C-alpha atoms as a PDB file:
ATOM      1  CA  MET A   1       0.000   0.000   0.000  1.00  0.00           C
ATOM      2  CA  ASN A   2       1.370   3.414  -0.914  1.00  0.00           C
ATOM      3  CA  ASP A   3       1.371   6.454   1.376  1.00  0.00           C
ATOM      4  CA  LYS A   4      -1.343   8.234  -0.593  1.00  0.00           C
ATOM      5  CA  GLN A   5      -3.777   5.307  -0.301  1.00  0.00           C
ATOM      6  CA  GLN A   6      -2.948   4.921   3.390  1.00  0.00           C
ATOM      7  CA  ALA A   7      -3.720   8.607   3.978  1.00  0.00           C
ATOM      8  CA  LEU A   8      -7.038   8.307   2.077  1.00  0.00           C
ATOM      9  CA  ILE A   9      -8.131   5.315   4.136  1.00  0.00           C
ATOM     10  CA  GLU A  10      -7.145   6.924   7.443  1.00  0.00           C
ATOM     11  CA  ALA A  11      -9.023  10.110   6.486  1.00  0.00           C
ATOM     12  CA  ALA A  12     -12.132   8.126   5.495  1.00  0.00           C
ATOM     13  CA  ILE A  13     -12.051   6.184   8.760  1.00  0.00           C
ATOM     14  CA  ARG A  14     -11.650   9.343  10.882  1.00  0.00           C
ATOM     15  CA  GLN A  15     -14.289  11.239   8.906  1.00  0.00           C
ATOM     16  CA  ASP A  16     -16.908   8.455   8.832  1.00  0.00           C
ATOM     17  CA  GLU A  17     -16.315   6.649  12.132  1.00  0.00           C
ATOM     18  CA  LYS A  18     -19.065   8.403  14.164  1.00  0.00           C
ATOM     19  CA  MET A  19     -21.567   8.278  11.328  1.00  0.00           C
ATOM     20  CA  LEU A  20     -20.775   4.597  10.719  1.00  0.00           C
ATOM     21  CA  VAL A  21     -21.232   3.689  14.404  1.00  0.00           C
ATOM     22  CA  ARG A  22     -24.581   5.570  14.512  1.00  0.00           C
ATOM     23  CA  TRP A  23     -25.729   3.820  11.336  1.00  0.00           C
ATOM     24  CA  LEU A  24     -24.681   0.402  12.681  1.00  0.00           C
ATOM     25  CA  THR A  25     -26.357   1.138  16.036  1.00  0.00           C
ATOM     26  CA  LYS A  26     -29.633   1.797  14.223  1.00  0.00           C
ATOM     27  CA  LYS A  27     -29.254  -1.349  12.167  1.00  0.00           C
ATOM     28  CA  LEU A  28     -28.185  -3.611  15.048  1.00  0.00           C
ATOM     29  CA  GLY A  29     -29.988  -1.915  17.936  1.00  0.00           C
ATOM     30  CA  ASP A  30     -26.910  -2.189  20.171  1.00  0.00           C
ATOM     31  CA  PRO A  31     -24.156   0.465  20.419  1.00  0.00           C
ATOM     32  CA  ASP A  32     -21.569  -2.012  21.736  1.00  0.00           C
ATOM     33  CA  ALA A  33     -22.186  -4.426  18.879  1.00  0.00           C
ATOM     34  CA  ALA A  34     -22.080  -1.453  16.466  1.00  0.00           C
ATOM     35  CA  ARG A  35     -18.638  -0.419  17.744  1.00  0.00           C
ATOM     36  CA  ASP A  36     -17.387  -4.011  17.461  1.00  0.00           C
ATOM     37  CA  VAL A  37     -18.647  -4.304  13.882  1.00  0.00           C
ATOM     38  CA  ALA A  38     -17.158  -0.890  13.012  1.00  0.00           C
ATOM     39  CA  GLN A  39     -13.787  -2.028  14.371  1.00  0.00           C
ATOM     40  CA  ASN A  40     -13.972  -5.177  12.224  1.00  0.00           C
ATOM     41  CA  VAL A  41     -14.880  -3.030   9.219  1.00  0.00           C
ATOM     42  CA  PHE A  42     -11.809  -0.873   9.654  1.00  0.00           C
ATOM     43  CA  LEU A  43      -9.564  -3.913  10.114  1.00  0.00           C
ATOM     44  CA  ARG A  44     -10.925  -5.583   6.979  1.00  0.00           C
ATOM     45  CA  VAL A  45     -10.675  -2.440   4.873  1.00  0.00           C
ATOM     46  CA  TRP A  46      -7.136  -1.904   6.101  1.00  0.00           C
ATOM     47  CA  ALA A  47      -6.182  -5.537   5.307  1.00  0.00           C
ATOM     48  CA  PHE A  48      -7.836  -5.319   1.891  1.00  0.00           C
ATOM     49  CA  SER A  49      -5.919  -2.135   1.093  1.00  0.00           C
ATOM     50  CA  GLU A  50      -2.637  -3.961   1.725  1.00  0.00           C
ATOM     51  CA  THR A  51      -3.102  -5.940  -1.488  1.00  0.00           C
ATOM     52  CA  GLU A  52      -5.623  -3.980  -3.566  1.00  0.00           C
ATOM     53  CA  LYS A  53      -5.934  -0.439  -4.846  1.00  0.00           C
ATOM     54  CA  ILE A  54      -8.962   1.310  -3.353  1.00  0.00           C
ATOM     55  CA  ASP A  55     -10.510   4.086  -5.416  1.00  0.00           C
ATOM     56  CA  ASN A  56     -13.345   4.970  -3.011  1.00  0.00           C
ATOM     57  CA  PRO A  57     -12.472   4.121   0.621  1.00  0.00           C
ATOM     58  CA  ARG A  58     -15.764   5.515   1.949  1.00  0.00           C
ATOM     59  CA  ALA A  59     -17.856   3.264  -0.334  1.00  0.00           C
ATOM     60  CA  LEU A  60     -15.753   0.241   0.642  1.00  0.00           C
ATOM     61  CA  ILE A  61     -16.159   1.050   4.360  1.00  0.00           C
ATOM     62  CA  PHE A  62     -19.965   1.267   4.142  1.00  0.00           C
ATOM     63  CA  LYS A  63     -20.302  -1.775   1.883  1.00  0.00           C
ATOM     64  CA  THR A  64     -18.151  -3.805   4.266  1.00  0.00           C
ATOM     65  CA  ALA A  65     -20.168  -2.476   7.223  1.00  0.00           C
ATOM     66  CA  SER A  66     -23.425  -3.464   5.537  1.00  0.00           C
ATOM     67  CA  ASN A  67     -22.162  -7.012   4.916  1.00  0.00           C
ATOM     68  CA  LEU A  68     -20.798  -7.426   8.449  1.00  0.00           C
ATOM     69  CA  ALA A  69     -24.012  -6.030   9.991  1.00  0.00           C
ATOM     70  CA  LEU A  70     -26.049  -8.508   7.961  1.00  0.00           C
ATOM     71  CA  ASN A  71     -23.766 -11.333   9.126  1.00  0.00           C
ATOM     72  CA  GLU A  72     -24.227 -10.189  12.739  1.00  0.00           C
ATOM     73  CA  LEU A  73     -28.025 -10.166  12.386  1.00  0.00           C
ATOM     74  CA  LYS A  74     -27.962 -13.664  10.879  1.00  0.00           C
ATOM     75  CA  ARG A  75     -25.721 -14.864  13.701  1.00  0.00           C
ATOM     76  CA  ARG A  76     -28.161 -13.454  16.273  1.00  0.00           C
ATOM     77  CA  ASN A  77     -31.114 -15.143  14.581  1.00  0.00           C
ATOM     78  CA  ARG A  78     -29.306 -18.488  14.590  1.00  0.00           C
ATOM     79  CA  PHE A  79     -28.451 -18.016  18.264  1.00  0.00           C
ATOM     80  CA  GLU A  80     -32.037 -17.135  19.176  1.00  0.00           C
ATOM     81  CA  ARG A  81     -33.391 -20.167  17.333  1.00  0.00           C
ATOM     82  CA  ARG A  82     -30.972 -22.485  19.128  1.00  0.00           C
ATOM     83  CA  HIS A  83     -31.203 -21.053  22.637  1.00  0.00           C
ATOM     84  CA  VAL A  84     -34.378 -20.788  24.648  1.00  0.00           C
ATOM     85  CA  SER A  85     -34.632 -18.091  27.293  1.00  0.00           C
ATOM     86  CA  ALA A  86     -35.436 -19.453  30.745  1.00  0.00           C
ATOM     87  CA  ALA A  87     -37.009 -16.109  31.666  1.00  0.00           C
ATOM     88  CA  ASP A  88     -40.075 -16.656  29.486  1.00  0.00           C
ATOM     89  CA  PRO A  89     -42.113 -19.703  30.623  1.00  0.00           C
ATOM     90  CA  ILE A  90     -44.561 -19.352  27.712  1.00  0.00           C
ATOM     91  CA  GLU A  91     -41.717 -19.707  25.203  1.00  0.00           C
ATOM     92  CA  ASN A  92     -40.440 -22.784  27.090  1.00  0.00           C
ATOM     93  CA  ASP A  93     -43.809 -24.516  26.934  1.00  0.00           C
ATOM     94  CA  PRO A  94     -43.109 -27.636  24.848  1.00  0.00           C
ATOM     95  CA  LEU A  95     -46.762 -27.874  23.820  1.00  0.00           C
ATOM     96  CA  LYS A  96     -46.441 -24.543  22.024  1.00  0.00           C
ATOM     97  CA  HIS A  97     -44.091 -26.167  19.514  1.00  0.00           C
ATOM     98  CA  VAL A  98     -46.278 -29.216  18.789  1.00  0.00           C
ATOM     99  CA  ALA A  99     -47.765 -29.021  15.344  1.00  0.00           C
ATOM    100  CA  SER A 100     -51.527 -28.756  15.228  1.00  0.00           C
ATOM    101  CA  LEU A 101     -53.480 -31.514  13.562  1.00  0.00           C
ATOM    102  CA  ALA A 102     -56.013 -28.955  12.358  1.00  0.00           C
ATOM    103  CA  PRO A 103     -55.520 -27.763   8.787  1.00  0.00           C
ATOM    104  CA  SER A 104     -54.173 -24.277   8.268  1.00  0.00           C
ATOM    105  CA  PRO A 105     -56.679 -21.581   7.225  1.00  0.00           C
ATOM    106  CA  GLU A 106     -55.201 -21.672   3.708  1.00  0.00           C
ATOM    107  CA  THR A 107     -55.591 -25.438   3.489  1.00  0.00           C
ATOM    108  CA  GLU A 108     -59.129 -25.241   4.837  1.00  0.00           C
ATOM    109  CA  THR A 109     -60.054 -22.583   2.257  1.00  0.00           C
ATOM    110  CA  SER A 110     -58.480 -24.634  -0.520  1.00  0.00           C
ATOM    111  CA  ILE A 111     -60.406 -27.744   0.564  1.00  0.00           C
ATOM    112  CA  ARG A 112     -63.679 -25.803   0.647  1.00  0.00           C
ATOM    113  CA  GLU A 113     -63.023 -24.471  -2.851  1.00  0.00           C
ATOM    114  CA  ASP A 114     -62.227 -27.995  -4.103  1.00  0.00           C
ATOM    115  CA  VAL A 115     -65.418 -29.387  -2.566  1.00  0.00           C
ATOM    116  CA  THR A 116     -67.530 -26.569  -4.035  1.00  0.00           C
ATOM    117  CA  LEU A 117     -66.012 -27.113  -7.505  1.00  0.00           C
ATOM    118  CA  THR A 118     -66.464 -30.863  -7.243  1.00  0.00           C
ATOM    119  CA  LEU A 119     -70.106 -30.692  -6.160  1.00  0.00           C
ATOM    120  CA  ALA A 120     -70.895 -28.226  -8.942  1.00  0.00           C
ATOM    121  CA  ALA A 121     -69.212 -30.514 -11.481  1.00  0.00           C
ATOM    122  CA  ILE A 122     -71.169 -33.520 -10.174  1.00  0.00           C
ATOM    123  CA  ARG A 123     -74.454 -31.570 -10.383  1.00  0.00           C
ATOM    124  CA  ASP A 124     -73.654 -30.742 -14.027  1.00  0.00           C
ATOM    125  CA  LEU A 125     -73.240 -34.402 -15.052  1.00  0.00           C
ATOM    126  CA  PRO A 126     -75.876 -35.968 -17.296  1.00  0.00           C
ATOM    127  CA  GLU A 127     -78.611 -37.604 -15.178  1.00  0.00           C
ATOM    128  CA  ARG A 128     -77.749 -41.327 -15.446  1.00  0.00           C
ATOM    129  CA  PRO A 129     -73.946 -40.939 -15.042  1.00  0.00           C
ATOM    130  CA  ARG A 130     -74.573 -38.539 -12.120  1.00  0.00           C
ATOM    131  CA  ARG A 131     -76.941 -40.956 -10.364  1.00  0.00           C
ATOM    132  CA  ALA A 132     -74.570 -43.898 -10.899  1.00  0.00           C
ATOM    133  CA  PHE A 133     -71.597 -41.859  -9.647  1.00  0.00           C
ATOM    134  CA  VAL A 134     -73.433 -40.639  -6.520  1.00  0.00           C
ATOM    135  CA  MET A 135     -74.747 -44.122  -5.712  1.00  0.00           C
ATOM    136  CA  ASN A 136     -71.273 -45.610  -6.073  1.00  0.00           C
ATOM    137  CA  ARG A 137     -69.034 -42.970  -4.513  1.00  0.00           C
ATOM    138  CA  PHE A 138     -71.348 -41.484  -1.887  1.00  0.00           C
ATOM    139  CA  ASP A 139     -73.774 -44.292  -1.062  1.00  0.00           C
ATOM    140  CA  GLY A 140     -71.205 -47.071  -1.464  1.00  0.00           C
ATOM    141  CA  LEU A 141     -73.352 -49.230  -3.742  1.00  0.00           C
ATOM    142  CA  SER A 142     -71.796 -51.829  -6.032  1.00  0.00           C
ATOM    143  CA  TYR A 143     -72.314 -51.735  -9.798  1.00  0.00           C
ATOM    144  CA  LYS A 144     -74.732 -54.670  -9.423  1.00  0.00           C
ATOM    145  CA  GLU A 145     -76.815 -52.776  -6.819  1.00  0.00           C
ATOM    146  CA  ILE A 146     -76.807 -49.629  -8.974  1.00  0.00           C
ATOM    147  CA  ALA A 147     -77.880 -51.642 -12.030  1.00  0.00           C
ATOM    148  CA  ARG A 148     -80.845 -53.025 -10.068  1.00  0.00           C
ATOM    149  CA  ALA A 149     -81.812 -49.538  -8.770  1.00  0.00           C
ATOM    150  CA  LEU A 150     -81.557 -47.925 -12.227  1.00  0.00           C
ATOM    151  CA  GLN A 151     -83.016 -51.008 -13.959  1.00  0.00           C
ATOM    152  CA  VAL A 152     -80.087 -51.287 -16.374  1.00  0.00           C
ATOM    153  CA  SER A 153     -77.303 -53.794 -16.977  1.00  0.00           C
ATOM    154  CA  GLU A 154     -74.032 -53.742 -15.011  1.00  0.00           C
ATOM    155  CA  SER A 155     -72.168 -52.875 -18.217  1.00  0.00           C
ATOM    156  CA  SER A 156     -74.392 -49.781 -18.557  1.00  0.00           C
ATOM    157  CA  VAL A 157     -73.468 -48.765 -15.006  1.00  0.00           C
ATOM    158  CA  GLU A 158     -69.815 -49.256 -15.895  1.00  0.00           C
ATOM    159  CA  LYS A 159     -70.246 -46.997 -18.946  1.00  0.00           C
ATOM    160  CA  TYR A 160     -72.026 -44.371 -16.811  1.00  0.00           C
ATOM    161  CA  MET A 161     -69.156 -44.400 -14.322  1.00  0.00           C
ATOM    162  CA  ILE A 162     -66.540 -44.104 -17.058  1.00  0.00           C
ATOM    163  CA  GLU A 163     -68.453 -41.194 -18.592  1.00  0.00           C
ATOM    164  CA  ALA A 164     -68.900 -39.473 -15.201  1.00  0.00           C
ATOM    165  CA  LEU A 165     -65.226 -39.809 -14.281  1.00  0.00           C
ATOM    166  CA  LYS A 166     -64.090 -38.613 -17.698  1.00  0.00           C
ATOM    167  CA  ILE A 167     -66.318 -35.518 -17.542  1.00  0.00           C
ATOM    168  CA  LEU A 168     -65.319 -34.750 -13.947  1.00  0.00           C
ATOM    169  CA  ARG A 169     -61.592 -35.071 -14.654  1.00  0.00           C
ATOM    170  CA  GLU A 170     -61.909 -32.735 -17.634  1.00  0.00           C
ATOM    171  CA  LYS A 171     -63.919 -30.155 -15.665  1.00  0.00           C
ATOM    172  CA  LEU A 172     -61.625 -30.256 -12.651  1.00  0.00           C
ATOM    173  CA  ARG A 173     -58.270 -29.843 -14.367  1.00  0.00           C
ATOM    174  CA  ASP A 174     -56.100 -26.871 -13.486  1.00  0.00           C
ATOM    175  CA  GLY A 175     -54.362 -24.774 -16.131  1.00  0.00           C
ATOM    176  CA  LYS A 176     -51.407 -27.210 -16.214  1.00  0.00           C
ATOM    177  CA  GLY A 177     -53.457 -30.279 -17.081  1.00  0.00           C
ATOM    178  CA  ALA A 178     -53.377 -31.797 -13.576  1.00  0.00           C
ATOM    179  CA  THR A 179     -56.633 -32.909 -11.990  1.00  0.00           C
ATOM    180  CA  VAL A 180     -57.401 -30.553  -9.117  1.00  0.00           C
ATOM    181  CA  VAL A 181     -59.581 -32.996  -7.190  1.00  0.00           C
ATOM    182  CA  ALA A 182     -58.913 -36.720  -7.133  1.00  0.00           C
ATOM    183  CA  PHE A 183     -61.728 -39.263  -7.185  1.00  0.00           C
ATOM    184  CA  PRO A 184     -60.516 -42.243  -5.198  1.00  0.00           C
ATOM    185  CA  ARG A 185     -61.929 -45.624  -6.020  1.00  0.00           C
ATOM    186  CA  LYS A 186     -64.686 -46.864  -3.771  1.00  0.00           C
ATOM    187  CA  ALA A 187     -63.338 -49.098  -1.044  1.00  0.00           C
ATOM    188  CA  LYS A 188     -64.309 -52.704  -1.712  1.00  0.00           C
ATOM    189  CA  LYS A 189     -66.456 -54.282   0.965  1.00  0.00           C
ATOM    190  CA  LYS A 190     -64.970 -57.429   2.390  1.00  0.00           C
ATOM    191  CA  ILE A 191     -67.144 -60.424   1.704  1.00  0.00           C
ATOM    192  CA  ARG A 192     -67.673 -62.717   4.670  1.00  0.00           C
ATOM    193  CA  GLY A 193     -66.016 -66.055   4.417  1.00  0.00           C
ATOM    194  CA  SER A 194     -63.418 -64.950   1.852  1.00  0.00           C
END
């Protein structure tokens, strides 16, 4: 480092020291921590100037201070996450940190929207596919039971279900082609003795 650069850095440090400490105090909320960070800034700028030419010492000082202040804030956040204060019994309550089994408000809203869309899509189905779908998925009837109730063959019920599912999947797709609401298969009833 040449004498001219050394003089520029020393002048910038003397001129900006108080302003830098005030700025860091505002950012960090602690005058002692601000002075420590400012000291580290000056040491780093000084070390950097040993090997590099510095055109704007003031800019380098404040940029370095900004980076070190950010590092200090991150360090504090990590410390606070890892250490629990014994002074606050509410914070130490282990039950406070147990995840709730209840859905979040966003999830609940999303589920309500899905149900509303699904019911509207089911209402819009043609009559026979709608009736077959409702009997199967909501009432739990088998294709044979639905065929008897609708007075049609089981293959007709199968066709109604295929048509209903196809229409519902098309109506309930999002903009990316994924089905928004899934229609799980009806759980098979276990037959006694099998």
